[in-house]
Amino acid sequence: MQIQYDTETACLLVGLDGEIDHHSSNAMRAEVDAAIYAHLPQTLIFDFSRVSFMDSSGIGLIMGRYKILSPLGGEILVQDPAPHISRILRLAGMERLAKICRSTKEVTQ
């Protein structure tokens, strides 16, 4: 997982890799939370382009970060999920908490 913060846009980009399941999600949560509290971003972007599998732990990852950012006025974007992951996110109603987009170009529109 890679985490980058852009000071100009107050945007935190989290590049996820591989599988998001109960084995990997605890470490991901801890790292992302530490970055959120260190930078207090206005926008948190989860780059799902290299995620091959996700179970309900991925939904929990997004929901938990929403609970942190929402009171701070921040937003969450889920970028480039594979079609099968995008379907899981939509069925779980994640569009109410996070914008699901194909690329960062959609973010600015």
Protein backbone atom coordinates (compact mmCIF):
# COMPACT_ATOMS: atom_id res chain seq x y z
CA MET A 1 0.00 0.00 0.00
CA GLN A 2 1.24 3.48 -0.88
CA ILE A 3 0.04 6.67 0.77
CA GLN A 4 0.74 10.13 -0.68
CA TYR A 5 -0.44 13.51 0.54
CA ASP A 6 -0.75 16.55 -1.75
CA THR A 7 -0.48 19.75 0.29
CA GLU A 8 -1.87 21.92 -2.53
CA THR A 9 -5.15 20.06 -2.81
CA ALA A 10 -5.33 18.66 0.76
CA CYS A 11 -5.81 15.28 -0.88
CA LEU A 12 -4.65 11.96 0.57
CA LEU A 13 -4.16 9.22 -2.05
CA VAL A 14 -4.10 5.63 -0.81
CA GLY A 15 -2.97 3.10 -3.41
CA LEU A 16 -4.23 -0.34 -2.47
CA ASP A 17 -2.74 -3.58 -3.83
CA GLY A 18 -3.85 -7.20 -3.97
CA GLU A 19 -6.59 -8.47 -1.72
CA ILE A 20 -8.60 -6.64 0.92
CA ASP A 21 -9.82 -9.22 3.41
CA HIS A 22 -9.88 -9.74 7.16
CA HIS A 23 -6.18 -10.71 7.10
CA SER A 24 -4.98 -7.48 5.50
CA SER A 25 -7.58 -4.89 6.49
CA ASN A 26 -6.43 -4.26 10.08
CA ALA A 27 -2.98 -3.11 8.97
CA MET A 28 -4.54 -1.02 6.19
CA ARG A 29 -6.92 0.67 8.63
CA ALA A 30 -4.13 1.53 11.04
CA GLU A 31 -1.91 3.01 8.31
CA VAL A 32 -4.70 5.03 6.68
CA ASP A 33 -5.98 6.31 10.03
CA ALA A 34 -2.48 7.46 11.01
CA ALA A 35 -2.17 9.35 7.70
CA ILE A 36 -5.62 10.92 8.12
CA TYR A 37 -4.84 12.19 11.61
CA ALA A 38 -1.41 13.41 10.52
CA HIS A 39 -2.69 15.41 7.50
CA LEU A 40 -6.44 16.00 8.05
CA PRO A 41 -7.20 15.81 4.31
CA GLN A 42 -10.26 17.33 2.67
CA THR A 43 -10.37 14.41 0.22
CA LEU A 44 -9.35 10.80 0.72
CA ILE A 45 -8.91 8.85 -2.51
CA PHE A 46 -8.73 5.07 -2.39
CA ASP A 47 -7.09 3.87 -5.62
CA PHE A 48 -8.58 0.41 -6.20
CA SER A 49 -6.97 -0.10 -9.63
CA ARG A 50 -4.67 -2.86 -8.34
CA VAL A 51 -7.13 -4.58 -5.98
CA SER A 52 -7.92 -8.10 -7.20
CA PHE A 53 -10.29 -9.23 -4.44
CA MET A 54 -12.37 -7.57 -1.75
CA ASP A 55 -14.73 -8.97 0.86
CA SER A 56 -16.80 -7.10 3.44
CA SER A 57 -13.56 -5.90 5.07
CA GLY A 58 -13.14 -3.50 2.17
CA ILE A 59 -16.56 -2.05 2.83
CA GLY A 60 -15.62 -1.69 6.49
CA LEU A 61 -12.40 0.06 5.48
CA ILE A 62 -14.37 2.69 3.56
CA MET A 63 -17.12 3.05 6.18
CA GLY A 64 -14.67 3.53 9.04
CA ARG A 65 -12.73 6.24 7.20
CA TYR A 66 -16.03 7.93 6.33
CA LYS A 67 -16.86 8.08 10.04
CA ILE A 68 -13.54 9.84 10.66
CA LEU A 69 -13.66 12.29 7.73
CA SER A 70 -17.35 13.18 7.66
CA PRO A 71 -17.35 15.27 10.87
CA LEU A 72 -14.28 17.07 9.53
CA GLY A 73 -16.10 18.00 6.30
CA GLY A 74 -13.98 15.62 4.22
CA GLU A 75 -15.05 13.33 1.39
CA ILE A 76 -14.02 9.89 0.14
CA LEU A 77 -13.51 8.81 -3.45
CA VAL A 78 -13.04 5.24 -4.66
CA GLN A 79 -11.06 5.34 -7.87
CA ASP A 80 -10.82 2.68 -10.60
CA PRO A 81 -12.38 -0.37 -8.95
CA ALA A 82 -12.60 -3.50 -11.12
CA PRO A 83 -16.14 -4.19 -12.37
CA HIS A 84 -16.74 -7.01 -9.85
CA ILE A 85 -15.55 -4.80 -6.97
CA SER A 86 -17.56 -1.84 -8.22
CA ARG A 87 -20.65 -4.06 -8.19
CA ILE A 88 -20.00 -5.09 -4.56
CA LEU A 89 -19.58 -1.43 -3.57
CA ARG A 90 -22.80 -0.40 -5.29
CA LEU A 91 -24.80 -3.31 -3.83
CA ALA A 92 -23.55 -2.35 -0.36
CA GLY A 93 -24.73 1.23 -0.89
CA MET A 94 -21.25 2.73 -0.70
CA GLU A 95 -22.27 5.42 -3.20
CA ARG A 96 -24.02 7.15 -0.28
CA LEU A 97 -20.68 7.49 1.54
CA ALA A 98 -18.13 7.72 -1.25
CA LYS A 99 -18.02 8.72 -4.88
CA ILE A 100 -17.07 5.76 -7.06
CA CYS A 101 -15.24 6.93 -10.16
CA ARG A 102 -13.22 5.56 -13.02
CA SER A 103 -10.34 8.04 -12.79
CA THR A 104 -9.27 11.29 -11.17
CA LYS A 105 -10.63 13.11 -14.23
CA GLU A 106 -14.15 12.27 -13.02
CA VAL A 107 -13.28 13.74 -9.63
CA THR A 108 -12.87 17.24 -11.04
CA GLN A 109 -16.12 17.14 -13.02
